[in-house]
Amino acid sequence: MFSATLTDKSKEVCKMYMRDPFELYIDSDKKLTLHGLKQYFVTLEENQKTKKLIDLLDNLDFNQVIIFVKNQQHAQKLNEIIRTEGFPAVACYRSMP
């Protein structure tokens, strides 16, 4: 299990089901900075999101992008759309072998 934002209660529950868990704490905000990382946030209606994403992919200079979605079906569908638009893409989700 990996997470940057587990609450204390969530940590307790996780530890109940893990064998010999390893916890890593980063003690300095400077160590958390990923140089060159850019994040974008745009407020849109649901039916506008895919078009805006493709527009951003067309117009931004990048070498890697991570897109988080709410479920496996959305990941698969968005992956198909992105690939159809000519971008290399891979969908990753928990039920993958």
PDB file of N, CA and C in Angstrom:
ATOM      1  N   MET A   1       0.850  -1.170   0.000  1.00  0.00           N
ATOM      2  CA  MET A   1       0.000   0.000   0.000  1.00  0.00           C
ATOM      3  C   MET A   1       0.891   1.227   0.000  1.00  0.00           C
ATOM      4  N   PHE A   2       0.582   2.161  -0.862  1.00  0.00           N
ATOM      5  CA  PHE A   2       1.326   3.409  -0.956  1.00  0.00           C
ATOM      6  C   PHE A   2       0.339   4.555  -0.824  1.00  0.00           C
ATOM      7  N   SER A   3       0.677   5.545  -0.031  1.00  0.00           N
ATOM      8  CA  SER A   3      -0.151   6.740   0.049  1.00  0.00           C
ATOM      9  C   SER A   3       0.639   7.870   0.682  1.00  0.00           C
ATOM     10  N   ALA A   4       0.388   9.053   0.186  1.00  0.00           N
ATOM     11  CA  ALA A   4       1.010  10.234   0.767  1.00  0.00           C
ATOM     12  C   ALA A   4       0.093  10.886   1.786  1.00  0.00           C
ATOM     13  N   THR A   5      -1.146  10.445   1.854  1.00  0.00           N
ATOM     14  CA  THR A   5      -2.132  11.164   2.669  1.00  0.00           C
ATOM     15  C   THR A   5      -3.053  10.229   3.440  1.00  0.00           C
ATOM     16  N   LEU A   6      -2.509   9.373   4.256  1.00  0.00           N
ATOM     17  CA  LEU A   6      -3.349   8.512   5.086  1.00  0.00           C
ATOM     18  C   LEU A   6      -3.638   9.201   6.414  1.00  0.00           C
ATOM     19  N   THR A   7      -4.886   9.155   6.839  1.00  0.00           N
ATOM     20  CA  THR A   7      -5.226   9.679   8.158  1.00  0.00           C
ATOM     21  C   THR A   7      -4.745   8.693   9.215  1.00  0.00           C
ATOM     22  N   ASP A   8      -4.664   9.128  10.442  1.00  0.00           N
ATOM     23  CA  ASP A   8      -4.236   8.235  11.517  1.00  0.00           C
ATOM     24  C   ASP A   8      -5.172   7.037  11.647  1.00  0.00           C
ATOM     25  N   LYS A   9      -6.472   7.258  11.513  1.00  0.00           N
ATOM     26  CA  LYS A   9      -7.448   6.168  11.590  1.00  0.00           C
ATOM     27  C   LYS A   9      -7.239   5.174  10.447  1.00  0.00           C
ATOM     28  N   SER A  10      -6.996   5.676   9.240  1.00  0.00           N
ATOM     29  CA  SER A  10      -6.752   4.796   8.090  1.00  0.00           C
ATOM     30  C   SER A  10      -5.494   3.969   8.303  1.00  0.00           C
ATOM     31  N   LYS A  11      -4.460   4.575   8.876  1.00  0.00           N
ATOM     32  CA  LYS A  11      -3.217   3.852   9.149  1.00  0.00           C
ATOM     33  C   LYS A  11      -3.472   2.685  10.103  1.00  0.00           C
ATOM     34  N   GLU A  12      -4.288   2.932  11.131  1.00  0.00           N
ATOM     35  CA  GLU A  12      -4.613   1.866  12.096  1.00  0.00           C
ATOM     36  C   GLU A  12      -5.286   0.689  11.397  1.00  0.00           C
ATOM     37  N   VAL A  13      -6.259   0.976  10.539  1.00  0.00           N
ATOM     38  CA  VAL A  13      -6.989  -0.075   9.823  1.00  0.00           C
ATOM     39  C   VAL A  13      -6.037  -0.827   8.900  1.00  0.00           C
ATOM     40  N   CYS A  14      -5.192  -0.111   8.173  1.00  0.00           N
ATOM     41  CA  CYS A  14      -4.242  -0.746   7.260  1.00  0.00           C
ATOM     42  C   CYS A  14      -3.307  -1.693   8.006  1.00  0.00           C
ATOM     43  N   LYS A  15      -2.808  -1.257   9.147  1.00  0.00           N
ATOM     44  CA  LYS A  15      -1.862  -2.076   9.911  1.00  0.00           C
ATOM     45  C   LYS A  15      -2.497  -3.365  10.415  1.00  0.00           C
ATOM     46  N   MET A  16      -3.822  -3.360  10.600  1.00  0.00           N
ATOM     47  CA  MET A  16      -4.512  -4.569  11.047  1.00  0.00           C
ATOM     48  C   MET A  16      -4.418  -5.681  10.002  1.00  0.00           C
ATOM     49  N   TYR A  17      -4.267  -5.329   8.729  1.00  0.00           N
ATOM     50  CA  TYR A  17      -4.281  -6.307   7.645  1.00  0.00           C
ATOM     51  C   TYR A  17      -2.922  -6.513   6.989  1.00  0.00           C
ATOM     52  N   MET A  18      -1.890  -5.845   7.467  1.00  0.00           N
ATOM     53  CA  MET A  18      -0.573  -5.940   6.845  1.00  0.00           C
ATOM     54  C   MET A  18       0.388  -6.726   7.730  1.00  0.00           C
ATOM     55  N   ARG A  19       1.307  -7.417   7.088  1.00  0.00           N
ATOM     56  CA  ARG A  19       2.377  -8.111   7.808  1.00  0.00           C
ATOM     57  C   ARG A  19       3.645  -7.285   7.704  1.00  0.00           C
ATOM     58  N   ASP A  20       4.222  -6.941   8.804  1.00  0.00           N
ATOM     59  CA  ASP A  20       5.469  -6.176   8.852  1.00  0.00           C
ATOM     60  C   ASP A  20       5.442  -4.958   7.930  1.00  0.00           C
ATOM     61  N   PRO A  21       4.503  -4.047   8.112  1.00  0.00           N
ATOM     62  CA  PRO A  21       4.454  -2.871   7.231  1.00  0.00           C
ATOM     63  C   PRO A  21       5.675  -1.980   7.435  1.00  0.00           C
ATOM     64  N   PHE A  22       6.080  -1.328   6.374  1.00  0.00           N
ATOM     65  CA  PHE A  22       7.193  -0.381   6.409  1.00  0.00           C
ATOM     66  C   PHE A  22       6.623   1.012   6.179  1.00  0.00           C
ATOM     67  N   GLU A  23       6.933   1.918   7.066  1.00  0.00           N
ATOM     68  CA  GLU A  23       6.460   3.289   6.913  1.00  0.00           C
ATOM     69  C   GLU A  23       7.648   4.203   6.659  1.00  0.00           C
ATOM     70  N   LEU A  24       7.494   5.085   5.708  1.00  0.00           N
ATOM     71  CA  LEU A  24       8.539   6.044   5.371  1.00  0.00           C
ATOM     72  C   LEU A  24       7.956   7.436   5.549  1.00  0.00           C
ATOM     73  N   TYR A  25       8.612   8.233   6.371  1.00  0.00           N
ATOM     74  CA  TYR A  25       8.175   9.602   6.604  1.00  0.00           C
ATOM     75  C   TYR A  25       9.217  10.555   6.043  1.00  0.00           C
ATOM     76  N   ILE A  26       8.764  11.563   5.356  1.00  0.00           N
ATOM     77  CA  ILE A  26       9.658  12.576   4.804  1.00  0.00           C
ATOM     78  C   ILE A  26       9.545  13.794   5.707  1.00  0.00           C
ATOM     79  N   ASP A  27      10.675  14.192   6.277  1.00  0.00           N
ATOM     80  CA  ASP A  27      10.651  15.231   7.300  1.00  0.00           C
ATOM     81  C   ASP A  27      10.830  16.655   6.794  1.00  0.00           C
ATOM     82  N   SER A  28      10.984  16.839   5.512  1.00  0.00           N
ATOM     83  CA  SER A  28      11.206  18.174   4.983  1.00  0.00           C
ATOM     84  C   SER A  28      10.363  18.396   3.734  1.00  0.00           C
ATOM     85  N   ASP A  29       9.676  19.535   3.691  1.00  0.00           N
ATOM     86  CA  ASP A  29       8.873  19.866   2.504  1.00  0.00           C
ATOM     87  C   ASP A  29       9.737  19.991   1.259  1.00  0.00           C
ATOM     88  N   LYS A  30      11.008  20.354   1.432  1.00  0.00           N
ATOM     89  CA  LYS A  30      11.904  20.487   0.281  1.00  0.00           C
ATOM     90  C   LYS A  30      12.099  19.153  -0.422  1.00  0.00           C
ATOM     91  N   LYS A  31      12.040  18.068   0.321  1.00  0.00           N
ATOM     92  CA  LYS A  31      12.227  16.744  -0.271  1.00  0.00           C
ATOM     93  C   LYS A  31      10.986  16.292  -1.039  1.00  0.00           C
ATOM     94  N   LEU A  32       9.876  16.967  -0.825  1.00  0.00           N
ATOM     95  CA  LEU A  32       8.635  16.596  -1.505  1.00  0.00           C
ATOM     96  C   LEU A  32       8.479  17.260  -2.864  1.00  0.00           C
ATOM     97  N   THR A  33       9.286  18.249  -3.142  1.00  0.00           N
ATOM     98  CA  THR A  33       9.159  18.997  -4.383  1.00  0.00           C
ATOM     99  C   THR A  33       9.710  18.205  -5.563  1.00  0.00           C
ATOM    100  N   LEU A  34       8.902  18.048  -6.581  1.00  0.00           N
ATOM    101  CA  LEU A  34       9.349  17.424  -7.817  1.00  0.00           C
ATOM    102  C   LEU A  34       9.640  18.545  -8.792  1.00  0.00           C
ATOM    103  N   HIS A  35      10.891  18.780  -9.053  1.00  0.00           N
ATOM    104  CA  HIS A  35      11.278  19.878  -9.932  1.00  0.00           C
ATOM    105  C   HIS A  35      10.803  19.603 -11.352  1.00  0.00           C
ATOM    106  N   GLY A  36      10.219  20.598 -11.953  1.00  0.00           N
ATOM    107  CA  GLY A  36       9.713  20.459 -13.308  1.00  0.00           C
ATOM    108  C   GLY A  36       8.281  19.954 -13.370  1.00  0.00           C
ATOM    109  N   LEU A  37       7.712  19.587 -12.213  1.00  0.00           N
ATOM    110  CA  LEU A  37       6.336  19.097 -12.186  1.00  0.00           C
ATOM    111  C   LEU A  37       5.370  20.271 -12.319  1.00  0.00           C
ATOM    112  N   LYS A  38       4.400  20.121 -13.213  1.00  0.00           N
ATOM    113  CA  LYS A  38       3.366  21.133 -13.373  1.00  0.00           C
ATOM    114  C   LYS A  38       2.019  20.460 -13.197  1.00  0.00           C
ATOM    115  N   GLN A  39       1.140  21.117 -12.472  1.00  0.00           N
ATOM    116  CA  GLN A  39      -0.204  20.607 -12.284  1.00  0.00           C
ATOM    117  C   GLN A  39      -1.181  21.642 -12.829  1.00  0.00           C
ATOM    118  N   TYR A  40      -2.260  21.151 -13.426  1.00  0.00           N
ATOM    119  CA  TYR A  40      -3.263  22.035 -13.989  1.00  0.00           C
ATOM    120  C   TYR A  40      -4.615  21.662 -13.418  1.00  0.00           C
ATOM    121  N   PHE A  41      -5.437  22.662 -13.190  1.00  0.00           N
ATOM    122  CA  PHE A  41      -6.789  22.449 -12.693  1.00  0.00           C
ATOM    123  C   PHE A  41      -7.726  23.347 -13.490  1.00  0.00           C
ATOM    124  N   VAL A  42      -8.749  22.760 -14.057  1.00  0.00           N
ATOM    125  CA  VAL A  42      -9.720  23.510 -14.832  1.00  0.00           C
ATOM    126  C   VAL A  42     -11.112  23.049 -14.398  1.00  0.00           C
ATOM    127  N   THR A  43     -11.977  23.982 -14.083  1.00  0.00           N
ATOM    128  CA  THR A  43     -13.345  23.648 -13.712  1.00  0.00           C
ATOM    129  C   THR A  43     -14.203  23.591 -14.970  1.00  0.00           C
ATOM    130  N   LEU A  44     -14.806  22.438 -15.215  1.00  0.00           N
ATOM    131  CA  LEU A  44     -15.607  22.225 -16.420  1.00  0.00           C
ATOM    132  C   LEU A  44     -16.844  21.403 -16.101  1.00  0.00           C
ATOM    133  N   GLU A  45     -17.800  21.466 -17.005  1.00  0.00           N
ATOM    134  CA  GLU A  45     -18.935  20.547 -16.931  1.00  0.00           C
ATOM    135  C   GLU A  45     -18.425  19.159 -17.333  1.00  0.00           C
ATOM    136  N   GLU A  46     -19.078  18.125 -16.869  1.00  0.00           N
ATOM    137  CA  GLU A  46     -18.647  16.747 -17.138  1.00  0.00           C
ATOM    138  C   GLU A  46     -18.484  16.472 -18.636  1.00  0.00           C
ATOM    139  N   ASN A  47     -19.425  16.965 -19.446  1.00  0.00           N
ATOM    140  CA  ASN A  47     -19.383  16.677 -20.881  1.00  0.00           C
ATOM    141  C   ASN A  47     -18.303  17.458 -21.635  1.00  0.00           C
ATOM    142  N   GLN A  48     -17.588  18.352 -20.961  1.00  0.00           N
ATOM    143  CA  GLN A  48     -16.531  19.135 -21.593  1.00  0.00           C
ATOM    144  C   GLN A  48     -15.127  18.598 -21.278  1.00  0.00           C
ATOM    145  N   LYS A  49     -15.029  17.694 -20.325  1.00  0.00           N
ATOM    146  CA  LYS A  49     -13.726  17.285 -19.796  1.00  0.00           C
ATOM    147  C   LYS A  49     -12.828  16.583 -20.807  1.00  0.00           C
ATOM    148  N   THR A  50     -13.346  15.631 -21.541  1.00  0.00           N
ATOM    149  CA  THR A  50     -12.510  14.875 -22.480  1.00  0.00           C
ATOM    150  C   THR A  50     -11.977  15.782 -23.583  1.00  0.00           C
ATOM    151  N   LYS A  51     -12.826  16.645 -24.122  1.00  0.00           N
ATOM    152  CA  LYS A  51     -12.383  17.574 -25.162  1.00  0.00           C
ATOM    153  C   LYS A  51     -11.276  18.490 -24.634  1.00  0.00           C
ATOM    154  N   LYS A  52     -11.429  18.989 -23.411  1.00  0.00           N
ATOM    155  CA  LYS A  52     -10.417  19.872 -22.831  1.00  0.00           C
ATOM    156  C   LYS A  52      -9.119  19.113 -22.590  1.00  0.00           C
ATOM    157  N   LEU A  53      -9.206  17.878 -22.143  1.00  0.00           N
ATOM    158  CA  LEU A  53      -8.007  17.073 -21.923  1.00  0.00           C
ATOM    159  C   LEU A  53      -7.229  16.901 -23.224  1.00  0.00           C
ATOM    160  N   ILE A  54      -7.912  16.538 -24.298  1.00  0.00           N
ATOM    161  CA  ILE A  54      -7.246  16.362 -25.590  1.00  0.00           C
ATOM    162  C   ILE A  54      -6.630  17.682 -26.044  1.00  0.00           C
ATOM    163  N   ASP A  55      -7.340  18.783 -25.821  1.00  0.00           N
ATOM    164  CA  ASP A  55      -6.811  20.108 -26.160  1.00  0.00           C
ATOM    165  C   ASP A  55      -5.528  20.394 -25.375  1.00  0.00           C
ATOM    166  N   LEU A  56      -5.517  20.089 -24.091  1.00  0.00           N
ATOM    167  CA  LEU A  56      -4.312  20.288 -23.278  1.00  0.00           C
ATOM    168  C   LEU A  56      -3.165  19.408 -23.764  1.00  0.00           C
ATOM    169  N   LEU A  57      -3.462  18.149 -24.060  1.00  0.00           N
ATOM    170  CA  LEU A  57      -2.422  17.242 -24.550  1.00  0.00           C
ATOM    171  C   LEU A  57      -1.839  17.735 -25.873  1.00  0.00           C
ATOM    172  N   ASP A  58      -2.685  18.305 -26.708  1.00  0.00           N
ATOM    173  CA  ASP A  58      -2.222  18.847 -27.998  1.00  0.00           C
ATOM    174  C   ASP A  58      -1.339  20.076 -27.832  1.00  0.00           C
ATOM    175  N   ASN A  59      -1.611  20.885 -26.815  1.00  0.00           N
ATOM    176  CA  ASN A  59      -0.976  22.194 -26.718  1.00  0.00           C
ATOM    177  C   ASN A  59       0.112  22.337 -25.664  1.00  0.00           C
ATOM    178  N   LEU A  60       0.232  21.399 -24.748  1.00  0.00           N
ATOM    179  CA  LEU A  60       1.262  21.498 -23.716  1.00  0.00           C
ATOM    180  C   LEU A  60       2.498  20.709 -24.114  1.00  0.00           C
ATOM    181  N   ASP A  61       3.645  21.189 -23.674  1.00  0.00           N
ATOM    182  CA  ASP A  61       4.906  20.486 -23.900  1.00  0.00           C
ATOM    183  C   ASP A  61       5.152  19.581 -22.694  1.00  0.00           C
ATOM    184  N   PHE A  62       5.127  18.272 -22.891  1.00  0.00           N
ATOM    185  CA  PHE A  62       5.291  17.329 -21.783  1.00  0.00           C
ATOM    186  C   PHE A  62       5.959  16.062 -22.287  1.00  0.00           C
ATOM    187  N   ASN A  63       6.496  15.269 -21.339  1.00  0.00           N
ATOM    188  CA  ASN A  63       7.001  13.954 -21.724  1.00  0.00           C
ATOM    189  C   ASN A  63       6.247  12.833 -21.012  1.00  0.00           C
ATOM    190  N   GLN A  64       5.543  13.158 -19.941  1.00  0.00           N
ATOM    191  CA  GLN A  64       4.709  12.169 -19.250  1.00  0.00           C
ATOM    192  C   GLN A  64       3.522  12.867 -18.607  1.00  0.00           C
ATOM    193  N   VAL A  65       2.402  12.162 -18.552  1.00  0.00           N
ATOM    194  CA  VAL A  65       1.194  12.705 -17.929  1.00  0.00           C
ATOM    195  C   VAL A  65       0.539  11.580 -17.132  1.00  0.00           C
ATOM    196  N   ILE A  66       0.055  11.887 -15.949  1.00  0.00           N
ATOM    197  CA  ILE A  66      -0.754  10.948 -15.169  1.00  0.00           C
ATOM    198  C   ILE A  66      -2.129  11.572 -15.010  1.00  0.00           C
ATOM    199  N   ILE A  67      -3.147  10.809 -15.356  1.00  0.00           N
ATOM    200  CA  ILE A  67      -4.530  11.283 -15.259  1.00  0.00           C
ATOM    201  C   ILE A  67      -5.267  10.350 -14.316  1.00  0.00           C
ATOM    202  N   PHE A  68      -5.817  10.888 -13.253  1.00  0.00           N
ATOM    203  CA  PHE A  68      -6.576  10.092 -12.298  1.00  0.00           C
ATOM    204  C   PHE A  68      -8.063  10.191 -12.617  1.00  0.00           C
ATOM    205  N   VAL A  69      -8.720   9.043 -12.632  1.00  0.00           N
ATOM    206  CA  VAL A  69     -10.157   8.993 -12.881  1.00  0.00           C
ATOM    207  C   VAL A  69     -10.813   8.184 -11.774  1.00  0.00           C
ATOM    208  N   LYS A  70     -12.161   8.186 -11.738  1.00  0.00           N
ATOM    209  CA  LYS A  70     -12.849   7.601 -10.597  1.00  0.00           C
ATOM    210  C   LYS A  70     -13.042   6.083 -10.649  1.00  0.00           C
ATOM    211  N   ASN A  71     -12.980   5.459 -11.809  1.00  0.00           N
ATOM    212  CA  ASN A  71     -13.197   4.012 -11.831  1.00  0.00           C
ATOM    213  C   ASN A  71     -12.533   3.368 -13.051  1.00  0.00           C
ATOM    214  N   GLN A  72     -12.505   2.052 -13.030  1.00  0.00           N
ATOM    215  CA  GLN A  72     -11.841   1.267 -14.075  1.00  0.00           C
ATOM    216  C   GLN A  72     -12.468   1.500 -15.448  1.00  0.00           C
ATOM    217  N   GLN A  73     -13.778   1.552 -15.511  1.00  0.00           N
ATOM    218  CA  GLN A  73     -14.447   1.738 -16.795  1.00  0.00           C
ATOM    219  C   GLN A  73     -14.061   3.081 -17.421  1.00  0.00           C
ATOM    220  N   HIS A  74     -13.990   4.100 -16.604  1.00  0.00           N
ATOM    221  CA  HIS A  74     -13.594   5.422 -17.105  1.00  0.00           C
ATOM    222  C   HIS A  74     -12.145   5.391 -17.573  1.00  0.00           C
ATOM    223  N   ALA A  75     -11.281   4.693 -16.837  1.00  0.00           N
ATOM    224  CA  ALA A  75      -9.870   4.579 -17.231  1.00  0.00           C
ATOM    225  C   ALA A  75      -9.737   3.902 -18.590  1.00  0.00           C
ATOM    226  N   GLN A  76     -10.474   2.823 -18.787  1.00  0.00           N
ATOM    227  CA  GLN A  76     -10.410   2.104 -20.062  1.00  0.00           C
ATOM    228  C   GLN A  76     -10.937   2.958 -21.217  1.00  0.00           C
ATOM    229  N   LYS A  77     -12.059   3.615 -21.007  1.00  0.00           N
ATOM    230  CA  LYS A  77     -12.666   4.450 -22.053  1.00  0.00           C
ATOM    231  C   LYS A  77     -11.757   5.627 -22.398  1.00  0.00           C
ATOM    232  N   LEU A  78     -11.229   6.305 -21.372  1.00  0.00           N
ATOM    233  CA  LEU A  78     -10.347   7.445 -21.618  1.00  0.00           C
ATOM    234  C   LEU A  78      -9.070   6.993 -22.312  1.00  0.00           C
ATOM    235  N   ASN A  79      -8.561   5.840 -21.956  1.00  0.00           N
ATOM    236  CA  ASN A  79      -7.369   5.297 -22.604  1.00  0.00           C
ATOM    237  C   ASN A  79      -7.629   5.092 -24.100  1.00  0.00           C
ATOM    238  N   GLU A  80      -8.783   4.546 -24.447  1.00  0.00           N
ATOM    239  CA  GLU A  80      -9.144   4.352 -25.865  1.00  0.00           C
ATOM    240  C   GLU A  80      -9.206   5.678 -26.606  1.00  0.00           C
ATOM    241  N   ILE A  81      -9.825   6.666 -25.986  1.00  0.00           N
ATOM    242  CA  ILE A  81      -9.958   7.983 -26.628  1.00  0.00           C
ATOM    243  C   ILE A  81      -8.582   8.612 -26.841  1.00  0.00           C
ATOM    244  N   ILE A  82      -7.750   8.580 -25.833  1.00  0.00           N
ATOM    245  CA  ILE A  82      -6.419   9.192 -25.928  1.00  0.00           C
ATOM    246  C   ILE A  82      -5.588   8.503 -27.010  1.00  0.00           C
ATOM    247  N   ARG A  83      -5.654   7.188 -27.065  1.00  0.00           N
ATOM    248  CA  ARG A  83      -4.913   6.449 -28.092  1.00  0.00           C
ATOM    249  C   ARG A  83      -5.457   6.765 -29.488  1.00  0.00           C
ATOM    250  N   THR A  84      -6.770   6.885 -29.611  1.00  0.00           N
ATOM    251  CA  THR A  84      -7.378   7.242 -30.887  1.00  0.00           C
ATOM    252  C   THR A  84      -6.906   8.615 -31.366  1.00  0.00           C
ATOM    253  N   GLU A  85      -6.647   9.500 -30.419  1.00  0.00           N
ATOM    254  CA  GLU A  85      -6.168  10.849 -30.751  1.00  0.00           C
ATOM    255  C   GLU A  85      -4.672  10.865 -31.070  1.00  0.00           C
ATOM    256  N   GLY A  86      -4.012   9.712 -31.023  1.00  0.00           N
ATOM    257  CA  GLY A  86      -2.616   9.620 -31.430  1.00  0.00           C
ATOM    258  C   GLY A  86      -1.581   9.722 -30.324  1.00  0.00           C
ATOM    259  N   PHE A  87      -2.011   9.655 -29.077  1.00  0.00           N
ATOM    260  CA  PHE A  87      -1.073   9.702 -27.965  1.00  0.00           C
ATOM    261  C   PHE A  87      -0.840   8.294 -27.429  1.00  0.00           C
ATOM    262  N   PRO A  88       0.410   7.949 -27.090  1.00  0.00           N
ATOM    263  CA  PRO A  88       0.637   6.659 -26.441  1.00  0.00           C
ATOM    264  C   PRO A  88       0.039   6.705 -25.035  1.00  0.00           C
ATOM    265  N   ALA A  89      -0.689   5.670 -24.661  1.00  0.00           N
ATOM    266  CA  ALA A  89      -1.362   5.673 -23.357  1.00  0.00           C
ATOM    267  C   ALA A  89      -1.502   4.260 -22.829  1.00  0.00           C
ATOM    268  N   VAL A  90      -1.541   4.154 -21.508  1.00  0.00           N
ATOM    269  CA  VAL A  90      -1.779   2.890 -20.827  1.00  0.00           C
ATOM    270  C   VAL A  90      -2.692   3.169 -19.655  1.00  0.00           C
ATOM    271  N   ALA A  91      -3.737   2.367 -19.497  1.00  0.00           N
ATOM    272  CA  ALA A  91      -4.619   2.492 -18.343  1.00  0.00           C
ATOM    273  C   ALA A  91      -4.158   1.529 -17.261  1.00  0.00           C
ATOM    274  N   CYS A  92      -4.074   1.974 -16.039  1.00  0.00           N
ATOM    275  CA  CYS A  92      -3.682   1.131 -14.900  1.00  0.00           C
ATOM    276  C   CYS A  92      -4.778   1.188 -13.854  1.00  0.00           C
ATOM    277  N   TYR A  93      -5.162   0.036 -13.324  1.00  0.00           N
ATOM    278  CA  TYR A  93      -6.189  -0.016 -12.293  1.00  0.00           C
ATOM    279  C   TYR A  93      -5.981  -1.290 -11.486  1.00  0.00           C
ATOM    280  N   ARG A  94      -6.620  -1.341 -10.321  1.00  0.00           N
ATOM    281  CA  ARG A  94      -6.309  -2.375  -9.331  1.00  0.00           C
ATOM    282  C   ARG A  94      -6.631  -3.806  -9.749  1.00  0.00           C
ATOM    283  N   SER A  95      -7.584  -4.023 -10.623  1.00  0.00           N
ATOM    284  CA  SER A  95      -7.955  -5.395 -10.974  1.00  0.00           C
ATOM    285  C   SER A  95      -7.113  -5.976 -12.122  1.00  0.00           C
ATOM    286  N   MET A  96      -6.067  -5.281 -12.507  1.00  0.00           N
ATOM    287  CA  MET A  96      -5.219  -5.789 -13.581  1.00  0.00           C
ATOM    288  C   MET A  96      -4.416  -6.986 -13.066  1.00  0.00           C
ATOM    289  N   PRO A  97      -4.151  -7.964 -13.945  1.00  0.00           N
ATOM    290  CA  PRO A  97      -3.336  -9.107 -13.494  1.00  0.00           C
ATOM    291  C   PRO A  97      -1.897  -8.685 -13.218  1.00  0.00           C
TER     292      PRO A  97
END
